Amino acid sequence: MTLRFLLPEDRAEVAELLTLSFGRLDEAILLERLRDAGDMRLELIWIEKRAIRGHIGFARLDAPAGWWALAPLCVHPRNRRRGIAAELIRHGLDQARQNRAKAVAVLGDPAYYRRFGFSAKAAENLSSPFPVAQTSLYPIRPGMAGVTADLTYPAAFFQA
């Protein structure tokens, strides 16, 4: 098992994994659009037996400045419930910290992301074009929890 940064030659395999994991093309298309626009800040992959079995991406948010969005995260269906997603999240958040991100927002089940330090309470004063009830925040810099702000996602999130 290997956890490493994504290389350009990994992109097609990641697109296949996203499509398999989500059962649709939407996430693979979103990721490609984010890359093309220069909005991806970090991508990590999990490799096992020379195949990519997991992926996590972090895109920059247009606002607040210095904030990232965890998007997307996937693990091959046959490899789920083995802690791969957890390792990807933990390493990704560590890299976000090292890259001086101020905070990371995520859209998803708040109960799932809570164990990694994300907080729905820290996100309660955020507004978003996506369901606020599904938005959690991982504050990295002091003073980010509970801040009042509009989450502004890159244009790729809204392209049809």
N, C-alpha and C. Protein backbone atom coordinates (compact mmCIF):
# COMPACT_ATOMS: atom_id res chain seq x y z
N MET A 1 0.84 -1.18 0.00
CA MET A 1 0.00 0.00 0.00
C MET A 1 0.88 1.24 0.00
N THR A 2 0.50 2.20 -0.84
CA THR A 2 1.24 3.44 -0.96
C THR A 2 0.27 4.61 -1.00
N LEU A 3 0.59 5.65 -0.29
CA LEU A 3 -0.15 6.90 -0.34
C LEU A 3 0.80 7.94 -0.92
N ARG A 4 0.39 8.59 -2.02
CA ARG A 4 1.27 9.56 -2.64
C ARG A 4 0.46 10.63 -3.36
N PHE A 5 1.19 11.68 -3.79
CA PHE A 5 0.58 12.75 -4.56
C PHE A 5 0.21 12.23 -5.95
N LEU A 6 -0.84 12.77 -6.51
CA LEU A 6 -1.27 12.42 -7.85
C LEU A 6 -0.25 12.91 -8.88
N LEU A 7 0.00 12.09 -9.88
CA LEU A 7 0.84 12.46 -11.01
C LEU A 7 -0.04 12.62 -12.24
N PRO A 8 0.36 13.39 -13.23
CA PRO A 8 -0.47 13.56 -14.43
C PRO A 8 -0.89 12.24 -15.07
N GLU A 9 -0.02 11.26 -15.05
CA GLU A 9 -0.36 9.97 -15.67
C GLU A 9 -1.40 9.17 -14.88
N ASP A 10 -1.76 9.62 -13.69
CA ASP A 10 -2.77 8.95 -12.86
C ASP A 10 -4.19 9.43 -13.16
N ARG A 11 -4.32 10.50 -13.89
CA ARG A 11 -5.62 11.16 -14.04
C ARG A 11 -6.70 10.27 -14.65
N ALA A 12 -6.39 9.53 -15.69
CA ALA A 12 -7.40 8.69 -16.34
C ALA A 12 -7.89 7.61 -15.38
N GLU A 13 -6.98 7.02 -14.63
CA GLU A 13 -7.37 5.96 -13.69
C GLU A 13 -8.22 6.53 -12.55
N VAL A 14 -7.90 7.75 -12.12
CA VAL A 14 -8.71 8.40 -11.08
C VAL A 14 -10.11 8.69 -11.61
N ALA A 15 -10.22 9.13 -12.87
CA ALA A 15 -11.53 9.38 -13.47
C ALA A 15 -12.36 8.10 -13.49
N GLU A 16 -11.74 6.98 -13.83
CA GLU A 16 -12.44 5.69 -13.82
C GLU A 16 -12.89 5.31 -12.41
N LEU A 17 -12.02 5.54 -11.43
CA LEU A 17 -12.35 5.23 -10.04
C LEU A 17 -13.51 6.09 -9.55
N LEU A 18 -13.49 7.37 -9.86
CA LEU A 18 -14.59 8.25 -9.47
C LEU A 18 -15.91 7.80 -10.09
N THR A 19 -15.87 7.46 -11.36
CA THR A 19 -17.08 7.02 -12.06
C THR A 19 -17.61 5.73 -11.45
N LEU A 20 -16.73 4.79 -11.15
CA LEU A 20 -17.14 3.54 -10.51
C LEU A 20 -17.69 3.80 -9.10
N SER A 21 -17.01 4.63 -8.34
CA SER A 21 -17.39 4.89 -6.95
C SER A 21 -18.73 5.59 -6.82
N PHE A 22 -18.99 6.56 -7.70
CA PHE A 22 -20.21 7.34 -7.60
C PHE A 22 -21.31 6.86 -8.55
N GLY A 23 -20.96 5.97 -9.48
CA GLY A 23 -21.95 5.46 -10.41
C GLY A 23 -22.42 6.47 -11.44
N ARG A 24 -21.61 7.48 -11.67
CA ARG A 24 -21.93 8.53 -12.64
C ARG A 24 -20.64 9.27 -13.00
N LEU A 25 -20.70 10.10 -14.02
CA LEU A 25 -19.52 10.83 -14.50
C LEU A 25 -19.32 12.19 -13.82
N ASP A 26 -20.30 12.68 -13.09
CA ASP A 26 -20.29 14.05 -12.58
C ASP A 26 -19.00 14.43 -11.83
N GLU A 27 -18.57 13.59 -10.89
CA GLU A 27 -17.39 13.92 -10.08
C GLU A 27 -16.12 13.91 -10.91
N ALA A 28 -16.01 13.00 -11.86
CA ALA A 28 -14.83 12.96 -12.73
C ALA A 28 -14.78 14.21 -13.61
N ILE A 29 -15.93 14.64 -14.10
CA ILE A 29 -16.00 15.86 -14.91
C ILE A 29 -15.66 17.08 -14.06
N LEU A 30 -16.22 17.15 -12.86
CA LEU A 30 -15.92 18.25 -11.96
C LEU A 30 -14.43 18.34 -11.69
N LEU A 31 -13.82 17.23 -11.38
CA LEU A 31 -12.39 17.21 -11.07
C LEU A 31 -11.57 17.69 -12.27
N GLU A 32 -11.91 17.25 -13.45
CA GLU A 32 -11.18 17.68 -14.65
C GLU A 32 -11.34 19.18 -14.87
N ARG A 33 -12.54 19.71 -14.66
CA ARG A 33 -12.77 21.15 -14.81
C ARG A 33 -11.99 21.95 -13.77
N LEU A 34 -11.96 21.45 -12.55
CA LEU A 34 -11.19 22.13 -11.50
C LEU A 34 -9.70 22.14 -11.85
N ARG A 35 -9.21 21.02 -12.34
CA ARG A 35 -7.80 20.97 -12.75
C ARG A 35 -7.53 21.95 -13.89
N ASP A 36 -8.39 21.91 -14.91
CA ASP A 36 -8.19 22.78 -16.08
C ASP A 36 -8.18 24.24 -15.69
N ALA A 37 -8.98 24.62 -14.68
CA ALA A 37 -9.06 26.01 -14.24
C ALA A 37 -7.95 26.37 -13.25
N GLY A 38 -7.14 25.38 -12.85
CA GLY A 38 -6.08 25.64 -11.88
C GLY A 38 -6.59 25.77 -10.46
N ASP A 39 -7.76 25.21 -10.18
CA ASP A 39 -8.38 25.36 -8.86
C ASP A 39 -8.08 24.23 -7.89
N MET A 40 -7.43 23.16 -8.34
CA MET A 40 -7.07 22.08 -7.42
C MET A 40 -5.82 22.48 -6.65
N ARG A 41 -5.86 22.30 -5.34
CA ARG A 41 -4.71 22.62 -4.51
C ARG A 41 -3.93 21.37 -4.12
N LEU A 42 -4.62 20.22 -4.07
CA LEU A 42 -3.96 19.01 -3.60
C LEU A 42 -4.76 17.80 -4.05
N GLU A 43 -4.05 16.76 -4.49
CA GLU A 43 -4.68 15.47 -4.78
C GLU A 43 -3.74 14.37 -4.29
N LEU A 44 -4.30 13.45 -3.53
CA LEU A 44 -3.57 12.30 -3.04
C LEU A 44 -4.27 11.04 -3.53
N ILE A 45 -3.48 9.99 -3.76
CA ILE A 45 -4.05 8.71 -4.16
C ILE A 45 -3.50 7.60 -3.27
N TRP A 46 -4.30 6.54 -3.16
CA TRP A 46 -3.95 5.33 -2.42
C TRP A 46 -3.77 4.24 -3.47
N ILE A 47 -2.60 3.64 -3.48
CA ILE A 47 -2.29 2.59 -4.45
C ILE A 47 -2.09 1.27 -3.72
N GLU A 48 -2.71 0.25 -4.27
CA GLU A 48 -2.56 -1.10 -3.74
C GLU A 48 -2.50 -2.05 -4.92
N LYS A 49 -1.48 -2.90 -4.94
CA LYS A 49 -1.29 -3.86 -6.04
C LYS A 49 -1.28 -3.15 -7.40
N ARG A 50 -0.56 -2.06 -7.44
CA ARG A 50 -0.34 -1.25 -8.66
C ARG A 50 -1.60 -0.64 -9.25
N ALA A 51 -2.66 -0.56 -8.45
CA ALA A 51 -3.90 0.06 -8.91
C ALA A 51 -4.32 1.15 -7.92
N ILE A 52 -4.89 2.22 -8.43
CA ILE A 52 -5.38 3.29 -7.58
C ILE A 52 -6.69 2.83 -6.95
N ARG A 53 -6.71 2.80 -5.63
CA ARG A 53 -7.89 2.32 -4.90
C ARG A 53 -8.58 3.42 -4.12
N GLY A 54 -7.96 4.61 -4.04
CA GLY A 54 -8.57 5.73 -3.34
C GLY A 54 -8.01 7.05 -3.84
N HIS A 55 -8.80 8.10 -3.70
CA HIS A 55 -8.40 9.43 -4.14
C HIS A 55 -9.06 10.47 -3.24
N ILE A 56 -8.33 11.54 -2.95
CA ILE A 56 -8.90 12.70 -2.28
C ILE A 56 -8.38 13.94 -2.98
N GLY A 57 -9.27 14.90 -3.13
CA GLY A 57 -8.89 16.16 -3.74
C GLY A 57 -9.31 17.32 -2.85
N PHE A 58 -8.56 18.40 -2.96
CA PHE A 58 -8.88 19.64 -2.27
C PHE A 58 -8.80 20.76 -3.28
N ALA A 59 -9.91 21.48 -3.43
CA ALA A 59 -9.97 22.62 -4.34
C ALA A 59 -9.92 23.90 -3.53
N ARG A 60 -9.43 24.95 -4.14
CA ARG A 60 -9.45 26.24 -3.46
C ARG A 60 -10.87 26.79 -3.53
N LEU A 61 -11.24 27.55 -2.53
CA LEU A 61 -12.49 28.30 -2.58
C LEU A 61 -12.15 29.70 -3.06
N ASP A 62 -13.04 30.32 -3.82
CA ASP A 62 -12.83 31.70 -4.24
C ASP A 62 -12.88 32.62 -3.03
N ALA A 63 -13.74 32.28 -2.07
CA ALA A 63 -13.84 33.05 -0.82
C ALA A 63 -14.39 32.10 0.24
N PRO A 64 -13.97 32.33 1.45
CA PRO A 64 -12.97 33.25 1.94
C PRO A 64 -11.57 32.90 1.41
N ALA A 65 -10.76 33.88 1.29
CA ALA A 65 -9.39 33.70 0.79
C ALA A 65 -8.62 32.73 1.68
N GLY A 66 -7.91 31.81 1.05
CA GLY A 66 -7.10 30.86 1.80
C GLY A 66 -7.83 29.63 2.28
N TRP A 67 -9.13 29.53 1.98
CA TRP A 67 -9.90 28.36 2.39
C TRP A 67 -9.94 27.35 1.26
N TRP A 68 -10.01 26.09 1.63
CA TRP A 68 -10.09 24.98 0.68
C TRP A 68 -11.40 24.22 0.88
N ALA A 69 -11.77 23.46 -0.15
CA ALA A 69 -12.91 22.56 -0.06
C ALA A 69 -12.42 21.13 -0.31
N LEU A 70 -12.80 20.21 0.54
CA LEU A 70 -12.48 18.80 0.33
C LEU A 70 -13.46 18.29 -0.72
N ALA A 71 -12.94 17.98 -1.89
CA ALA A 71 -13.80 17.51 -2.98
C ALA A 71 -12.94 17.05 -4.14
N PRO A 72 -13.13 15.86 -4.63
CA PRO A 72 -13.94 14.77 -4.10
C PRO A 72 -13.10 13.78 -3.31
N LEU A 73 -13.79 12.83 -2.68
CA LEU A 73 -13.17 11.73 -1.94
C LEU A 73 -13.83 10.45 -2.43
N CYS A 74 -13.02 9.45 -2.76
CA CYS A 74 -13.61 8.17 -3.15
C CYS A 74 -12.64 7.02 -2.85
N VAL A 75 -13.25 5.85 -2.65
CA VAL A 75 -12.51 4.61 -2.45
C VAL A 75 -13.20 3.55 -3.31
N HIS A 76 -12.41 2.72 -3.95
CA HIS A 76 -12.97 1.63 -4.77
C HIS A 76 -13.96 0.83 -3.93
N PRO A 77 -15.13 0.51 -4.47
CA PRO A 77 -16.15 -0.21 -3.68
C PRO A 77 -15.64 -1.48 -3.00
N ARG A 78 -14.72 -2.21 -3.62
CA ARG A 78 -14.21 -3.44 -3.00
C ARG A 78 -13.22 -3.17 -1.87
N ASN A 79 -12.79 -1.93 -1.73
CA ASN A 79 -11.80 -1.59 -0.71
C ASN A 79 -12.35 -0.72 0.41
N ARG A 80 -13.65 -0.56 0.45
CA ARG A 80 -14.26 0.27 1.49
C ARG A 80 -14.25 -0.43 2.83
N ARG A 81 -14.38 0.37 3.87
CA ARG A 81 -14.42 -0.10 5.26
C ARG A 81 -13.10 -0.72 5.70
N ARG A 82 -12.01 -0.20 5.13
CA ARG A 82 -10.67 -0.67 5.52
C ARG A 82 -9.81 0.48 6.02
N GLY A 83 -10.39 1.67 6.17
CA GLY A 83 -9.65 2.82 6.68
C GLY A 83 -8.91 3.63 5.63
N ILE A 84 -9.11 3.33 4.37
CA ILE A 84 -8.41 4.05 3.30
C ILE A 84 -8.89 5.50 3.24
N ALA A 85 -10.19 5.72 3.29
CA ALA A 85 -10.71 7.09 3.26
C ALA A 85 -10.18 7.89 4.45
N ALA A 86 -10.16 7.26 5.62
CA ALA A 86 -9.66 7.93 6.82
C ALA A 86 -8.20 8.36 6.65
N GLU A 87 -7.38 7.49 6.11
CA GLU A 87 -5.97 7.84 5.89
C GLU A 87 -5.83 8.97 4.87
N LEU A 88 -6.62 8.91 3.80
CA LEU A 88 -6.58 9.98 2.81
C LEU A 88 -6.98 11.31 3.44
N ILE A 89 -8.03 11.31 4.24
CA ILE A 89 -8.48 12.55 4.89
C ILE A 89 -7.42 13.07 5.84
N ARG A 90 -6.89 12.22 6.69
CA ARG A 90 -5.88 12.66 7.67
C ARG A 90 -4.64 13.22 6.99
N HIS A 91 -4.15 12.52 5.98
CA HIS A 91 -2.96 13.02 5.27
C HIS A 91 -3.28 14.29 4.50
N GLY A 92 -4.47 14.34 3.91
CA GLY A 92 -4.87 15.53 3.18
C GLY A 92 -4.96 16.75 4.07
N LEU A 93 -5.55 16.59 5.25
CA LEU A 93 -5.65 17.72 6.18
C LEU A 93 -4.28 18.15 6.68
N ASP A 94 -3.39 17.20 6.87
CA ASP A 94 -2.02 17.54 7.27
C ASP A 94 -1.33 18.35 6.16
N GLN A 95 -1.54 17.95 4.91
CA GLN A 95 -0.96 18.70 3.80
C GLN A 95 -1.59 20.09 3.69
N ALA A 96 -2.89 20.19 3.94
CA ALA A 96 -3.55 21.51 3.92
C ALA A 96 -2.91 22.42 4.95
N ARG A 97 -2.66 21.89 6.14
CA ARG A 97 -2.00 22.64 7.21
C ARG A 97 -0.61 23.08 6.76
N GLN A 98 0.16 22.16 6.19
CA GLN A 98 1.51 22.48 5.74
C GLN A 98 1.52 23.51 4.61
N ASN A 99 0.43 23.53 3.81
CA ASN A 99 0.33 24.47 2.71
C ASN A 99 -0.36 25.77 3.13
N ARG A 100 -0.53 25.93 4.43
CA ARG A 100 -1.05 27.15 5.03
C ARG A 100 -2.48 27.51 4.65
N ALA A 101 -3.29 26.49 4.38
CA ALA A 101 -4.72 26.75 4.21
C ALA A 101 -5.25 27.26 5.55
N LYS A 102 -6.22 28.15 5.51
CA LYS A 102 -6.79 28.70 6.74
C LYS A 102 -7.87 27.78 7.32
N ALA A 103 -8.61 27.12 6.43
CA ALA A 103 -9.69 26.23 6.84
C ALA A 103 -10.06 25.35 5.65
N VAL A 104 -10.73 24.24 5.95
CA VAL A 104 -11.21 23.34 4.90
C VAL A 104 -12.70 23.10 5.15
N ALA A 105 -13.51 23.35 4.13
CA ALA A 105 -14.94 23.07 4.20
C ALA A 105 -15.21 21.75 3.49
N VAL A 106 -16.24 21.05 3.95
CA VAL A 106 -16.63 19.81 3.29
C VAL A 106 -18.15 19.75 3.25
N LEU A 107 -18.65 19.22 2.15
CA LEU A 107 -20.07 18.98 2.00
C LEU A 107 -20.27 17.48 2.11
N GLY A 108 -20.98 17.05 3.14
CA GLY A 108 -21.19 15.62 3.36
C GLY A 108 -21.79 15.38 4.72
N ASP A 109 -21.85 14.14 5.11
CA ASP A 109 -22.44 13.74 6.38
C ASP A 109 -21.61 14.29 7.54
N PRO A 110 -22.15 15.25 8.31
CA PRO A 110 -21.38 15.83 9.41
C PRO A 110 -20.91 14.79 10.44
N ALA A 111 -21.72 13.75 10.67
CA ALA A 111 -21.33 12.72 11.63
C ALA A 111 -20.09 11.97 11.16
N TYR A 112 -19.97 11.73 9.87
CA TYR A 112 -18.81 11.02 9.34
C TYR A 112 -17.55 11.88 9.48
N TYR A 113 -17.64 13.13 9.09
CA TYR A 113 -16.46 14.00 9.06
C TYR A 113 -16.06 14.52 10.44
N ARG A 114 -16.95 14.43 11.43
CA ARG A 114 -16.66 14.90 12.78
C ARG A 114 -15.42 14.21 13.36
N ARG A 115 -15.26 12.93 13.08
CA ARG A 115 -14.12 12.19 13.67
C ARG A 115 -12.76 12.65 13.16
N PHE A 116 -12.75 13.46 12.11
CA PHE A 116 -11.50 13.99 11.57
C PHE A 116 -11.25 15.44 12.00
N GLY A 117 -12.14 15.97 12.83
CA GLY A 117 -11.99 17.33 13.32
C GLY A 117 -12.87 18.36 12.63
N PHE A 118 -13.69 17.93 11.67
CA PHE A 118 -14.63 18.84 11.05
C PHE A 118 -15.78 19.09 12.03
N SER A 119 -16.35 20.28 11.95
CA SER A 119 -17.41 20.63 12.88
C SER A 119 -18.54 21.36 12.16
N ALA A 120 -19.75 20.87 12.38
CA ALA A 120 -20.93 21.57 11.86
C ALA A 120 -21.12 22.87 12.64
N LYS A 121 -20.81 22.85 13.93
CA LYS A 121 -20.93 24.05 14.78
C LYS A 121 -19.99 25.14 14.26
N ALA A 122 -18.78 24.79 13.87
CA ALA A 122 -17.82 25.78 13.36
C ALA A 122 -18.28 26.38 12.04
N ALA A 123 -19.20 25.68 11.35
CA ALA A 123 -19.69 26.14 10.06
C ALA A 123 -21.06 26.81 10.15
N GLU A 124 -21.61 26.95 11.36
CA GLU A 124 -22.98 27.41 11.50
C GLU A 124 -23.24 28.82 10.98
N ASN A 125 -22.24 29.67 10.89
CA ASN A 125 -22.42 31.04 10.40
C ASN A 125 -22.00 31.20 8.94
N LEU A 126 -21.77 30.08 8.27
CA LEU A 126 -21.39 30.14 6.86
C LEU A 126 -22.64 30.08 5.99
N SER A 127 -22.59 30.79 4.88
CA SER A 127 -23.64 30.62 3.88
C SER A 127 -22.98 29.94 2.69
N SER A 128 -23.79 29.17 1.96
CA SER A 128 -23.25 28.36 0.89
C SER A 128 -24.33 28.13 -0.17
N PRO A 129 -23.92 27.95 -1.42
CA PRO A 129 -24.89 27.58 -2.44
C PRO A 129 -25.34 26.12 -2.30
N PHE A 130 -24.71 25.40 -1.41
CA PHE A 130 -25.03 24.00 -1.16
C PHE A 130 -25.69 23.88 0.22
N PRO A 131 -26.31 22.75 0.53
CA PRO A 131 -27.03 22.62 1.81
C PRO A 131 -26.12 22.88 3.03
N VAL A 132 -26.46 23.91 3.78
CA VAL A 132 -25.67 24.28 4.95
C VAL A 132 -25.71 23.18 6.00
N ALA A 133 -26.81 22.44 6.07
CA ALA A 133 -26.93 21.34 7.04
C ALA A 133 -25.92 20.23 6.76
N GLN A 134 -25.40 20.17 5.55
CA GLN A 134 -24.41 19.17 5.17
C GLN A 134 -22.99 19.74 5.10
N THR A 135 -22.82 20.97 5.55
CA THR A 135 -21.52 21.65 5.49
C THR A 135 -20.85 21.62 6.85
N SER A 136 -19.58 21.20 6.86
CA SER A 136 -18.78 21.21 8.08
C SER A 136 -17.47 21.92 7.78
N LEU A 137 -16.82 22.36 8.84
CA LEU A 137 -15.58 23.12 8.69
C LEU A 137 -14.47 22.52 9.55
N TYR A 138 -13.29 22.48 8.97
CA TYR A 138 -12.09 22.09 9.68
C TYR A 138 -11.24 23.35 9.80
N PRO A 139 -11.34 24.05 10.92
CA PRO A 139 -10.57 25.29 11.07
C PRO A 139 -9.10 24.97 11.34
N ILE A 140 -8.23 25.57 10.56
CA ILE A 140 -6.79 25.35 10.73
C ILE A 140 -6.18 26.52 11.50
N ARG A 141 -6.44 27.71 11.03
CA ARG A 141 -5.91 28.89 11.71
C ARG A 141 -6.84 29.32 12.83
N PRO A 142 -6.29 29.88 13.89
CA PRO A 142 -7.14 30.36 14.99
C PRO A 142 -8.14 31.40 14.48
N GLY A 143 -9.33 31.37 15.05
CA GLY A 143 -10.35 32.34 14.71
C GLY A 143 -11.22 31.97 13.52
N MET A 144 -10.98 30.83 12.90
CA MET A 144 -11.77 30.43 11.73
C MET A 144 -13.08 29.77 12.13
N ALA A 145 -13.14 29.12 13.26
CA ALA A 145 -14.36 28.46 13.71
C ALA A 145 -15.41 29.51 14.07
N GLY A 146 -16.60 29.35 13.53
CA GLY A 146 -17.69 30.25 13.85
C GLY A 146 -17.69 31.56 13.10
N VAL A 147 -16.74 31.76 12.20
CA VAL A 147 -16.67 33.00 11.44
C VAL A 147 -17.89 33.11 10.53
N THR A 148 -18.35 34.32 10.32
CA THR A 148 -19.46 34.57 9.39
C THR A 148 -18.85 34.85 8.02
N ALA A 149 -19.22 34.02 7.04
CA ALA A 149 -18.64 34.17 5.70
C ALA A 149 -19.52 33.48 4.67
N ASP A 150 -19.37 33.91 3.44
CA ASP A 150 -20.02 33.25 2.30
C ASP A 150 -19.00 32.33 1.66
N LEU A 151 -19.32 31.05 1.55
CA LEU A 151 -18.46 30.12 0.84
C LEU A 151 -18.70 30.31 -0.65
N THR A 152 -17.66 30.69 -1.36
CA THR A 152 -17.76 30.91 -2.80
C THR A 152 -16.91 29.87 -3.49
N TYR A 153 -17.57 28.96 -4.19
CA TYR A 153 -16.90 27.85 -4.86
C TYR A 153 -16.48 28.27 -6.27
N PRO A 154 -15.42 27.66 -6.79
CA PRO A 154 -15.02 27.93 -8.18
C PRO A 154 -16.14 27.60 -9.18
N ALA A 155 -16.09 28.24 -10.32
CA ALA A 155 -17.12 28.10 -11.35
C ALA A 155 -17.36 26.64 -11.76
N ALA A 156 -16.34 25.80 -11.69
CA ALA A 156 -16.49 24.40 -12.11
C ALA A 156 -17.60 23.67 -11.36
N PHE A 157 -17.89 24.10 -10.14
CA PHE A 157 -18.94 23.46 -9.34
C PHE A 157 -20.33 23.72 -9.90
N PHE A 158 -20.45 24.69 -10.80
CA PHE A 158 -21.78 25.09 -11.28
C PHE A 158 -21.97 24.89 -12.77
N GLN A 159 -20.98 24.34 -13.44
CA GLN A 159 -21.10 24.12 -14.88
C GLN A 159 -21.93 22.87 -15.13
N ALA A 160 -22.79 22.97 -16.12
CA ALA A 160 -23.66 21.83 -16.44
C ALA A 160 -22.97 20.85 -17.35
